[in-house]
Amino acid sequence: RGRAVKTTRSNPATPCPEDRVDRKFHAPAPNQLWLSDFTYVATWAGFVYVALVIDAFARRIVGWRVSRSMQAQFVLDALEQALHDHRPAERAGLVHHSDRGARYVSIKYTERLVEAGIEPSVGSVGDNALAETVIGLFKTEVIHRRGPWRNLEAVEFATLEWVDWFNNRRLLEPIGNIPPAEAEARFYAQSAELAMVA
């Protein structure tokens, strides 16, 4: 079946932020807990890598990127997309959780989190269950079903389509059999109603 690709490479000597999540992958509102991870996809042109940033509240994918290399910049690009599109309030308590992979504990990545007012959180290797679940769905629903893949562009276009479908049309049982975007819209509508009553 080919060789396995190890995506999480941690260096025990690298200082890591503390684990602020402690395997509690729940958030009371959007922009309270983001989870990040990435995976690999075999193509005819070589491996490509797909990074996702997921909001734990409704499991909405808030940022993503496809790259030919596992350099820290590509996971940083996924974070930048999430920051640009969702504009979390600075110092509002947003926690960003990842595993101990070298890209996520890099100086550049950690500095960007701090600059954006986001609390970094790092679990042990493989301790990012919700992000790994969403990546598992991505691989099952797209990568394994529609492959083999020709190149990065094919994976990137399929990822774009899947993220849109996942966020806006895929029904998720843990959030009430509705899509993530609808769960967020309901939250904001209820918050607005409560604010008007108060």
Protein backbone atom coordinates (compact mmCIF):
# COMPACT_ATOMS: atom_id res chain seq x y z
CA ARG A 1 0.00 0.00 0.00
CA GLY A 2 2.99 2.33 0.12
CA ARG A 3 4.98 3.85 2.87
CA ALA A 4 3.51 5.52 5.92
CA VAL A 5 4.17 9.21 6.42
CA LYS A 6 4.80 10.49 9.91
CA THR A 7 3.28 13.96 10.24
CA THR A 8 3.76 14.51 13.98
CA ARG A 9 7.41 14.87 14.85
CA SER A 10 8.01 16.28 18.26
CA ASN A 11 11.25 17.22 19.88
CA PRO A 12 11.15 16.53 23.64
CA ALA A 13 13.72 19.30 24.17
CA THR A 14 11.44 21.93 22.59
CA PRO A 15 9.52 23.93 25.20
CA CYS A 16 5.76 23.59 24.74
CA PRO A 17 2.80 25.56 26.00
CA GLU A 18 0.74 23.79 28.64
CA ASP A 19 -2.31 21.69 27.81
CA ARG A 20 -5.24 24.03 28.52
CA VAL A 21 -7.81 21.65 27.02
CA ASP A 22 -7.11 18.40 28.89
CA ARG A 23 -9.06 16.38 26.28
CA LYS A 24 -12.23 18.47 26.81
CA PHE A 25 -12.93 19.33 23.19
CA HIS A 26 -16.06 21.41 23.86
CA ALA A 27 -16.64 25.15 23.69
CA PRO A 28 -19.65 27.14 24.94
CA ALA A 29 -19.50 29.55 21.98
CA PRO A 30 -17.70 30.08 18.66
CA ASN A 31 -14.13 31.44 18.80
CA GLN A 32 -13.42 29.93 22.22
CA LEU A 33 -11.45 26.83 21.18
CA TRP A 34 -9.74 26.17 17.87
CA LEU A 35 -8.06 22.86 17.08
CA SER A 36 -5.41 22.35 14.41
CA ASP A 37 -3.90 19.33 12.75
CA PHE A 38 -2.80 18.19 9.32
CA THR A 39 -2.60 15.03 7.24
CA TYR A 40 -0.97 13.81 4.08
CA VAL A 41 -2.42 12.72 0.73
CA ALA A 42 -0.56 10.60 -1.81
CA THR A 43 -0.70 11.94 -5.38
CA TRP A 44 0.94 10.85 -8.62
CA ALA A 45 3.26 13.84 -8.21
CA GLY A 46 4.23 12.98 -4.61
CA PHE A 47 2.75 13.66 -1.19
CA VAL A 48 0.79 16.80 -0.41
CA TYR A 49 -0.33 17.95 3.03
CA VAL A 50 -3.68 19.34 4.16
CA ALA A 51 -3.92 21.47 7.32
CA LEU A 52 -7.25 22.25 9.03
CA VAL A 53 -8.21 24.69 11.78
CA ILE A 54 -11.50 23.67 13.42
CA ASP A 55 -13.72 25.65 15.79
CA ALA A 56 -14.73 23.19 18.53
CA PHE A 57 -18.12 24.83 19.19
CA ALA A 58 -19.82 23.49 16.06
CA ARG A 59 -16.86 21.68 14.46
CA ARG A 60 -16.75 24.28 11.72
CA ILE A 61 -13.58 24.36 9.63
CA VAL A 62 -12.42 27.96 9.93
CA GLY A 63 -9.11 27.64 8.07
CA TRP A 64 -7.37 25.20 5.75
CA ARG A 65 -4.39 24.96 3.42
CA VAL A 66 -2.87 22.42 1.01
CA SER A 67 0.90 22.34 0.49
CA ARG A 68 3.67 20.34 -1.15
CA SER A 69 5.82 20.57 1.98
CA MET A 70 5.38 20.11 5.72
CA GLN A 71 7.11 23.39 6.55
CA ALA A 72 5.63 25.49 9.38
CA GLN A 73 4.47 28.13 6.89
CA PHE A 74 1.62 26.02 5.52
CA VAL A 75 0.00 25.44 8.94
CA LEU A 76 0.55 29.15 9.62
CA ASP A 77 -1.31 29.94 6.38
CA ALA A 78 -4.31 27.90 7.59
CA LEU A 79 -4.23 29.85 10.87
CA GLU A 80 -4.04 33.16 8.98
CA GLN A 81 -7.12 32.22 6.97
CA ALA A 82 -9.01 31.45 10.18
CA LEU A 83 -7.93 34.75 11.73
CA HIS A 84 -8.87 36.71 8.62
CA ASP A 85 -12.25 35.06 8.04
CA HIS A 86 -13.43 34.80 11.66
CA ARG A 87 -11.73 37.77 13.29
CA PRO A 88 -11.79 36.60 16.91
CA ALA A 89 -11.65 39.41 19.45
CA GLU A 90 -8.15 39.87 20.83
CA ARG A 91 -7.63 38.62 24.37
CA ALA A 92 -11.20 37.25 24.47
CA GLY A 93 -10.12 33.86 25.75
CA LEU A 94 -9.65 31.97 22.47
CA VAL A 95 -7.50 28.88 22.99
CA HIS A 96 -5.68 27.22 20.08
CA HIS A 97 -4.97 23.52 20.68
CA SER A 98 -2.69 21.23 18.69
CA ASP A 99 -0.50 18.22 19.23
CA ARG A 100 3.24 18.52 19.90
CA GLY A 101 4.17 18.48 16.21
CA ALA A 102 7.18 20.63 15.37
CA ARG A 103 5.18 22.95 13.10
CA TYR A 104 2.71 23.87 15.84
CA VAL A 105 5.32 24.50 18.54
CA SER A 106 7.63 26.45 16.22
CA ILE A 107 8.66 29.92 17.34
CA LYS A 108 6.99 31.51 14.31
CA TYR A 109 3.64 29.78 14.94
CA THR A 110 3.63 30.45 18.68
CA GLU A 111 4.57 34.10 18.15
CA ARG A 112 1.65 34.53 15.72
CA LEU A 113 -0.78 33.06 18.25
CA VAL A 114 0.48 35.41 20.96
CA GLU A 115 0.38 38.38 18.56
CA ALA A 116 -3.29 37.58 17.80
CA GLY A 117 -4.12 37.34 21.51
CA ILE A 118 -4.73 33.59 21.35
CA GLU A 119 -3.70 31.24 24.17
CA PRO A 120 -1.64 28.34 22.81
CA SER A 121 -2.36 24.85 24.13
CA VAL A 122 -0.46 21.70 23.27
CA GLY A 123 -1.49 18.16 24.11
CA SER A 124 0.66 15.08 23.92
CA VAL A 125 1.45 13.48 20.57
CA GLY A 126 -1.80 12.19 19.11
CA ASP A 127 -3.87 14.00 21.76
CA ASN A 128 -6.07 16.07 19.48
CA ALA A 129 -9.07 13.78 19.07
CA LEU A 130 -11.63 16.21 17.63
CA ALA A 131 -9.26 17.51 14.96
CA GLU A 132 -8.23 13.95 14.15
CA THR A 133 -11.91 12.98 13.84
CA VAL A 134 -12.60 15.75 11.33
CA ILE A 135 -9.48 14.82 9.37
CA GLY A 136 -10.67 11.19 9.42
CA LEU A 137 -13.99 12.29 7.91
CA PHE A 138 -12.11 14.29 5.25
CA LYS A 139 -9.99 11.29 4.30
CA THR A 140 -12.98 8.91 4.28
CA GLU A 141 -15.42 11.19 2.46
CA VAL A 142 -13.02 12.69 -0.08
CA ILE A 143 -9.50 11.32 -0.26
CA HIS A 144 -10.19 7.57 -0.20
CA ARG A 145 -13.49 7.82 -2.07
CA ARG A 146 -12.35 10.02 -4.97
CA GLY A 147 -8.67 9.08 -5.34
CA PRO A 148 -6.20 8.34 -6.80
CA TRP A 149 -5.08 11.95 -6.95
CA ARG A 150 -3.18 13.47 -9.83
CA ASN A 151 -1.55 16.48 -8.11
CA LEU A 152 -1.79 19.23 -5.50
CA GLU A 153 -4.30 21.24 -7.53
CA ALA A 154 -6.75 18.32 -7.64
CA VAL A 155 -6.50 17.81 -3.87
CA GLU A 156 -6.81 21.55 -3.26
CA PHE A 157 -9.98 21.87 -5.36
CA ALA A 158 -11.54 18.78 -3.73
CA THR A 159 -10.66 20.19 -0.28
CA LEU A 160 -12.28 23.52 -1.15
CA GLU A 161 -15.48 21.75 -2.23
CA TRP A 162 -15.51 19.46 0.81
CA VAL A 163 -14.91 22.24 3.35
CA ASP A 164 -17.83 24.21 1.87
CA TRP A 165 -20.06 21.13 1.95
CA PHE A 166 -18.92 20.13 5.44
CA ASN A 167 -19.51 23.59 6.91
CA ASN A 168 -22.81 24.34 5.18
CA ARG A 169 -24.56 21.07 4.37
CA ARG A 170 -23.10 18.10 6.25
CA LEU A 171 -25.32 17.05 9.15
CA LEU A 172 -23.37 16.34 12.33
CA GLU A 173 -25.02 14.24 15.02
CA PRO A 174 -23.02 15.69 17.97
CA ILE A 175 -24.43 19.18 17.29
CA GLY A 176 -28.06 18.16 16.73
CA ASN A 177 -27.98 16.79 13.15
CA ILE A 178 -27.45 20.20 11.60
CA PRO A 179 -24.51 21.67 9.66
CA PRO A 180 -21.83 23.61 11.56
CA ALA A 181 -22.75 26.95 9.94
CA GLU A 182 -26.38 26.51 11.02
CA ALA A 183 -25.33 25.69 14.58
CA GLU A 184 -23.27 28.89 14.72
CA ALA A 185 -26.10 30.95 13.19
CA ARG A 186 -28.53 29.59 15.81
CA PHE A 187 -26.08 30.47 18.58
CA TYR A 188 -25.73 34.07 17.38
CA ALA A 189 -29.51 34.42 16.88
CA GLN A 190 -30.20 33.16 20.41
CA SER A 191 -27.50 35.48 21.81
CA ALA A 192 -29.10 38.44 20.02
CA GLU A 193 -32.54 37.51 21.39
CA LEU A 194 -31.17 37.27 24.94
CA ALA A 195 -29.44 40.63 24.56
CA MET A 196 -32.71 42.24 23.44
CA VAL A 197 -34.61 40.76 26.39
CA ALA A 198 -32.02 41.92 28.88
